[in-house]
Amino acid sequence: MLGLTPGEAFVVGFVVVAVISAGWWPRAGAAIGAALAGKRGGTPAAEDDPPA
């Protein structure tokens, strides 16, 4: 491919994918963090509810 060795082609492909997808990583990280925290969808987690 374009006179590149397989290793060079991998690095070029990896960098291209990283640059193209860079805009989505902050939103993906926020969604994953919210899901792991149990707060996805804006509803509070059970630990946040005051005792009755």
N, C-alpha and C. Protein backbone atom coordinates (compact mmCIF):
# COMPACT_ATOMS: atom_id res chain seq x y z
N MET A 1 0.84 -1.18 0.00
CA MET A 1 0.00 0.00 0.00
C MET A 1 0.89 1.24 0.00
N LEU A 2 0.90 1.95 -1.07
CA LEU A 2 1.66 3.20 -1.21
C LEU A 2 3.14 3.03 -0.92
N GLY A 3 3.67 1.83 -1.08
CA GLY A 3 5.07 1.59 -0.83
C GLY A 3 5.44 1.54 0.64
N LEU A 4 4.47 1.31 1.52
CA LEU A 4 4.74 1.25 2.95
C LEU A 4 4.86 -0.20 3.41
N THR A 5 5.69 -0.40 4.42
CA THR A 5 5.76 -1.72 5.04
C THR A 5 4.48 -1.92 5.85
N PRO A 6 4.16 -3.16 6.23
CA PRO A 6 2.95 -3.37 7.03
C PRO A 6 2.93 -2.57 8.34
N GLY A 7 4.07 -2.43 8.99
CA GLY A 7 4.12 -1.66 10.22
C GLY A 7 3.84 -0.18 9.99
N GLU A 8 4.41 0.37 8.93
CA GLU A 8 4.17 1.77 8.60
C GLU A 8 2.71 2.00 8.22
N ALA A 9 2.14 1.07 7.47
CA ALA A 9 0.74 1.18 7.08
C ALA A 9 -0.17 1.16 8.31
N PHE A 10 0.17 0.33 9.30
CA PHE A 10 -0.62 0.28 10.53
C PHE A 10 -0.56 1.62 11.26
N VAL A 11 0.63 2.19 11.36
CA VAL A 11 0.77 3.47 12.06
C VAL A 11 -0.01 4.56 11.33
N VAL A 12 0.08 4.61 10.02
CA VAL A 12 -0.65 5.62 9.24
C VAL A 12 -2.15 5.43 9.44
N GLY A 13 -2.63 4.20 9.36
CA GLY A 13 -4.05 3.93 9.56
C GLY A 13 -4.52 4.29 10.95
N PHE A 14 -3.71 3.97 11.96
CA PHE A 14 -4.06 4.28 13.34
C PHE A 14 -4.17 5.78 13.54
N VAL A 15 -3.22 6.54 13.02
CA VAL A 15 -3.23 7.99 13.17
C VAL A 15 -4.43 8.59 12.44
N VAL A 16 -4.74 8.10 11.25
CA VAL A 16 -5.89 8.61 10.50
C VAL A 16 -7.18 8.37 11.28
N VAL A 17 -7.36 7.17 11.81
CA VAL A 17 -8.57 6.87 12.59
C VAL A 17 -8.62 7.72 13.85
N ALA A 18 -7.48 7.91 14.52
CA ALA A 18 -7.45 8.72 15.74
C ALA A 18 -7.83 10.17 15.45
N VAL A 19 -7.35 10.72 14.36
CA VAL A 19 -7.65 12.11 14.02
C VAL A 19 -9.12 12.26 13.62
N ILE A 20 -9.64 11.34 12.83
CA ILE A 20 -11.03 11.43 12.38
C ILE A 20 -11.99 11.26 13.55
N SER A 21 -11.69 10.36 14.48
CA SER A 21 -12.62 10.07 15.57
C SER A 21 -12.37 10.93 16.81
N ALA A 22 -11.45 11.87 16.77
CA ALA A 22 -11.09 12.64 17.97
C ALA A 22 -12.27 13.42 18.53
N GLY A 23 -13.17 13.87 17.71
CA GLY A 23 -14.31 14.64 18.18
C GLY A 23 -15.31 13.82 18.99
N TRP A 24 -15.33 12.52 18.78
CA TRP A 24 -16.30 11.68 19.48
C TRP A 24 -15.81 11.18 20.82
N TRP A 25 -14.53 11.20 21.10
CA TRP A 25 -14.01 10.62 22.34
C TRP A 25 -14.48 11.32 23.60
N PRO A 26 -14.55 12.65 23.67
CA PRO A 26 -15.06 13.26 24.91
C PRO A 26 -16.49 12.85 25.24
N ARG A 27 -17.37 12.82 24.20
CA ARG A 27 -18.75 12.41 24.45
C ARG A 27 -18.85 10.95 24.83
N ALA A 28 -18.04 10.10 24.20
CA ALA A 28 -18.05 8.68 24.54
C ALA A 28 -17.56 8.48 25.97
N GLY A 29 -16.51 9.19 26.35
CA GLY A 29 -15.99 9.08 27.71
C GLY A 29 -17.00 9.55 28.74
N ALA A 30 -17.73 10.62 28.44
CA ALA A 30 -18.75 11.11 29.37
C ALA A 30 -19.88 10.11 29.51
N ALA A 31 -20.30 9.50 28.41
CA ALA A 31 -21.38 8.52 28.47
C ALA A 31 -20.95 7.27 29.24
N ILE A 32 -19.72 6.83 29.01
CA ILE A 32 -19.22 5.65 29.73
C ILE A 32 -19.08 5.95 31.21
N GLY A 33 -18.56 7.12 31.53
CA GLY A 33 -18.42 7.50 32.94
C GLY A 33 -19.76 7.59 33.64
N ALA A 34 -20.75 8.17 32.96
CA ALA A 34 -22.08 8.26 33.56
C ALA A 34 -22.69 6.89 33.75
N ALA A 35 -22.49 5.99 32.79
CA ALA A 35 -23.04 4.64 32.91
C ALA A 35 -22.37 3.89 34.06
N LEU A 36 -21.07 4.05 34.20
CA LEU A 36 -20.37 3.37 35.29
C LEU A 36 -20.76 3.95 36.65
N ALA A 37 -21.09 5.23 36.68
CA ALA A 37 -21.50 5.86 37.93
C ALA A 37 -22.96 5.57 38.25
N GLY A 38 -23.69 5.01 37.29
CA GLY A 38 -25.08 4.68 37.51
C GLY A 38 -26.01 5.87 37.41
N LYS A 39 -25.58 6.91 36.69
CA LYS A 39 -26.39 8.12 36.60
C LYS A 39 -26.80 8.42 35.17
N ARG A 40 -26.79 7.48 34.29
CA ARG A 40 -27.15 7.72 32.90
C ARG A 40 -28.65 8.00 32.81
N GLY A 41 -29.00 8.96 32.02
CA GLY A 41 -30.39 9.31 31.85
C GLY A 41 -30.88 10.38 32.81
N GLY A 42 -30.01 10.88 33.66
CA GLY A 42 -30.37 11.96 34.55
C GLY A 42 -31.07 11.53 35.83
N THR A 43 -31.29 10.25 36.03
CA THR A 43 -31.93 9.81 37.27
C THR A 43 -30.86 9.56 38.31
N PRO A 44 -31.10 9.94 39.56
CA PRO A 44 -30.09 9.74 40.59
C PRO A 44 -29.92 8.27 40.93
N ALA A 45 -28.74 7.92 41.34
CA ALA A 45 -28.47 6.54 41.75
C ALA A 45 -29.12 6.28 43.10
N ALA A 46 -29.30 5.02 43.45
CA ALA A 46 -29.95 4.65 44.70
C ALA A 46 -29.18 5.19 45.91
N GLU A 47 -27.86 5.30 45.81
CA GLU A 47 -27.05 5.79 46.93
C GLU A 47 -27.31 7.27 47.21
N ASP A 48 -27.82 8.01 46.21
CA ASP A 48 -28.05 9.43 46.37
C ASP A 48 -29.40 9.75 47.00
N ASP A 49 -30.28 8.76 47.12
CA ASP A 49 -31.60 9.00 47.68
C ASP A 49 -31.50 9.17 49.20
N PRO A 50 -32.17 10.19 49.73
CA PRO A 50 -32.14 10.36 51.19
C PRO A 50 -32.95 9.25 51.87
N PRO A 51 -32.59 8.89 53.09
CA PRO A 51 -33.36 7.85 53.77
C PRO A 51 -34.78 8.34 54.08
N ALA A 52 -35.72 7.43 54.05
CA ALA A 52 -37.13 7.81 54.26
C ALA A 52 -37.47 7.93 55.73
